[in-house]
Protein backbone atom coordinates (compact mmCIF):
# COMPACT_ATOMS: atom_id res chain seq x y z
CA MET A 1 -48.77 59.07 -68.99
CA THR A 2 -50.92 56.05 -68.02
CA ASN A 3 -50.51 53.06 -65.76
CA VAL A 4 -50.97 49.41 -66.75
CA GLN A 5 -54.74 49.69 -66.24
CA GLY A 6 -55.02 52.73 -68.56
CA HIS A 7 -55.69 55.27 -65.80
CA LYS A 8 -54.37 58.79 -66.30
CA LEU A 9 -51.81 59.84 -63.74
CA HIS A 10 -52.24 63.19 -62.06
CA PRO A 11 -50.26 65.65 -64.21
CA ALA A 12 -49.76 68.32 -61.52
CA HIS A 13 -47.40 66.76 -59.03
CA ASP A 14 -43.91 67.27 -57.74
CA PRO A 15 -41.88 64.51 -59.43
CA HIS A 16 -39.54 64.44 -56.42
CA GLN A 17 -42.25 64.11 -53.75
CA THR A 18 -42.33 60.74 -52.04
CA VAL A 19 -44.96 59.18 -49.79
CA LYS A 20 -44.34 59.99 -46.12
CA LYS A 21 -46.26 59.39 -42.91
CA GLY A 22 -49.13 61.89 -42.71
CA ASN A 23 -49.63 62.08 -46.51
CA TYR A 24 -52.91 61.20 -48.14
CA VAL A 25 -52.07 58.75 -50.89
CA SER A 26 -54.22 57.42 -53.72
CA ILE A 27 -53.24 54.05 -55.15
CA HIS A 28 -54.52 51.51 -57.60
CA TYR A 29 -53.72 47.90 -56.79
CA ILE A 30 -54.32 44.29 -57.60
CA GLY A 31 -54.34 42.15 -54.44
CA LYS A 32 -53.34 38.51 -54.84
CA LEU A 33 -52.67 35.49 -52.70
CA ALA A 34 -49.23 33.89 -52.83
CA ASP A 35 -50.53 31.40 -55.45
CA GLY A 36 -51.50 34.29 -57.77
CA ALA A 37 -55.27 34.14 -57.17
CA ILE A 38 -56.71 37.68 -57.22
CA PHE A 39 -58.82 38.52 -54.15
CA GLU A 40 -59.36 42.24 -54.75
CA THR A 41 -58.63 45.05 -57.19
CA THR A 42 -59.35 48.76 -57.20
CA ASN A 43 -60.40 48.69 -60.90
CA THR A 44 -61.82 52.17 -61.54
CA LYS A 45 -61.74 53.85 -58.11
CA PRO A 46 -58.37 54.20 -56.37
CA LEU A 47 -57.93 53.51 -52.67
CA ARG A 48 -57.23 56.74 -50.76
CA PHE A 49 -55.87 56.71 -47.22
CA MET A 50 -53.67 58.67 -44.85
CA VAL A 51 -50.36 56.95 -44.23
CA GLY A 52 -49.99 56.34 -40.49
CA GLU A 53 -53.70 56.54 -39.70
CA HIS A 54 -54.00 52.71 -39.76
CA THR A 55 -57.16 52.63 -41.88
CA THR A 56 -55.64 50.01 -44.16
CA ILE A 57 -53.41 47.03 -43.45
CA GLN A 58 -50.00 47.79 -41.92
CA GLY A 59 -47.95 46.15 -44.66
CA LEU A 60 -49.61 48.22 -47.39
CA GLU A 61 -49.05 51.48 -45.47
CA GLU A 62 -45.39 50.58 -44.93
CA GLY A 63 -44.98 49.38 -48.51
CA VAL A 64 -45.97 52.69 -50.13
CA LEU A 65 -43.56 54.77 -48.01
CA GLY A 66 -40.96 56.40 -50.24
CA MET A 67 -42.88 55.81 -53.49
CA LYS A 68 -43.48 58.60 -56.05
CA VAL A 69 -46.53 59.37 -58.19
CA GLY A 70 -46.57 56.97 -61.13
CA GLU A 71 -44.21 54.51 -59.45
CA LYS A 72 -45.17 50.84 -59.58
CA LYS A 73 -44.17 48.31 -56.96
CA ARG A 74 -44.93 44.75 -55.87
CA ILE A 75 -45.45 44.63 -52.10
CA ILE A 76 -45.37 41.22 -50.40
CA ILE A 77 -47.08 41.32 -47.02
CA PRO A 78 -46.81 38.54 -44.41
CA ALA A 79 -49.99 37.65 -42.48
CA GLU A 80 -48.76 39.46 -39.36
CA LYS A 81 -48.81 42.80 -41.25
CA ALA A 82 -52.04 42.03 -43.12
CA TYR A 83 -55.03 40.35 -41.44
CA GLY A 84 -53.10 38.53 -38.73
CA ARG A 85 -52.61 34.87 -38.01
CA HIS A 86 -55.44 32.37 -38.20
CA HIS A 87 -56.60 31.76 -34.60
CA LYS A 88 -58.11 28.37 -33.77
CA ASP A 89 -60.04 29.84 -30.81
CA LEU A 90 -62.11 31.85 -33.32
CA ILE A 91 -63.65 28.62 -34.61
CA GLN A 92 -66.91 28.14 -32.72
CA GLU A 93 -70.03 26.03 -32.70
CA ILE A 94 -73.36 27.82 -32.64
CA PRO A 95 -76.93 26.47 -32.67
CA LEU A 96 -78.72 26.55 -36.03
CA SER A 97 -81.41 28.60 -34.29
CA LYS A 98 -78.94 31.54 -34.13
CA ILE A 99 -78.74 31.69 -37.96
CA PRO A 100 -81.34 34.10 -39.42
CA ARG A 101 -84.23 32.17 -41.00
CA GLU A 102 -83.84 33.87 -44.37
CA ILE A 103 -80.36 32.31 -44.71
CA THR A 104 -79.90 28.72 -45.81
CA PRO A 105 -76.47 27.84 -44.43
CA SER A 106 -73.96 26.04 -46.63
CA VAL A 107 -70.33 25.07 -46.12
CA GLY A 108 -68.06 27.87 -47.35
CA MET A 109 -70.72 30.57 -47.03
CA VAL A 110 -69.32 33.84 -45.67
CA LEU A 111 -71.66 36.05 -43.66
CA LYS A 112 -70.79 39.71 -43.02
CA LYS A 113 -72.10 41.74 -40.12
CA GLU A 114 -71.21 45.24 -39.01
CA ALA A 115 -70.03 45.43 -35.40
CA LYS A 116 -71.04 48.27 -33.08
CA THR A 117 -67.59 49.78 -33.72
CA GLY A 118 -68.33 49.99 -37.45
CA THR A 119 -65.85 47.30 -38.48
CA MET A 120 -67.02 44.32 -40.51
CA ILE A 121 -67.11 40.88 -38.90
CA TYR A 122 -66.73 37.97 -41.29
CA THR A 123 -68.10 34.56 -40.35
CA LYS A 124 -67.41 31.56 -42.54
CA ILE A 125 -69.47 28.39 -42.15
CA ILE A 126 -67.04 25.47 -42.20
CA LYS A 127 -69.30 22.58 -41.10
CA ILE A 128 -73.01 21.94 -40.67
CA ASN A 129 -74.29 19.50 -38.06
CA ARG A 130 -77.88 18.45 -37.38
CA GLU A 131 -78.49 21.13 -34.70
CA SER A 132 -75.51 23.44 -35.07
CA VAL A 133 -72.99 24.98 -37.42
CA ILE A 134 -69.24 25.35 -36.99
CA ILE A 135 -68.15 28.88 -37.87
CA ASP A 136 -64.79 30.52 -38.34
CA LEU A 137 -64.65 34.15 -37.14
CA ASN A 138 -61.18 34.78 -38.57
CA HIS A 139 -61.01 37.26 -41.46
CA PRO A 140 -61.06 35.25 -44.73
CA LEU A 141 -57.49 36.43 -45.47
CA ALA A 142 -56.13 35.70 -41.96
CA GLY A 143 -53.00 33.59 -42.00
CA LYS A 144 -52.24 34.38 -45.64
CA THR A 145 -49.32 36.16 -47.28
CA LEU A 146 -50.67 38.85 -49.60
CA VAL A 147 -49.13 40.30 -52.76
CA PHE A 148 -50.11 43.79 -53.91
CA ASP A 149 -49.15 45.20 -57.31
CA VAL A 150 -49.44 48.93 -56.58
CA VAL A 151 -49.18 52.17 -58.55
CA VAL A 152 -49.26 55.53 -56.74
CA MET A 153 -51.82 57.83 -58.37
CA GLY A 154 -51.47 60.87 -56.09
CA ILE A 155 -49.83 62.24 -52.96
CA GLN A 156 -51.23 65.09 -50.84
């Protein structure tokens, strides 16, 4: 048995087992915006996470609950259960001197930096002035409804 992407499903599984909190689940997905634009896909390597550990977005964790291996589902996730609302107070002006010299800033450029906590911080340049740049520290998907086409590959 294969899914729509041609991946083999795990043959040794309990066909009655469903995803519950505390399970490790492996999924393949195509992540889209509400307009259908794809922002991310697992392609060849499935996403594996423990349900309830909050290592992935809340709406995706909740959406896979009750699914079985091989089951396909479209999960629509509002911004509040994905990357949160877009916050205007996260738009800031910083001096050009704070931008590393090896970077030539341009409008729309997204810079990633790892925080001390290990999480990624995304900074999007939205305007360039003579002496400063206006940046948006919101996650690029903040404020957006997300659509995930998911297939469960394994449950442990």
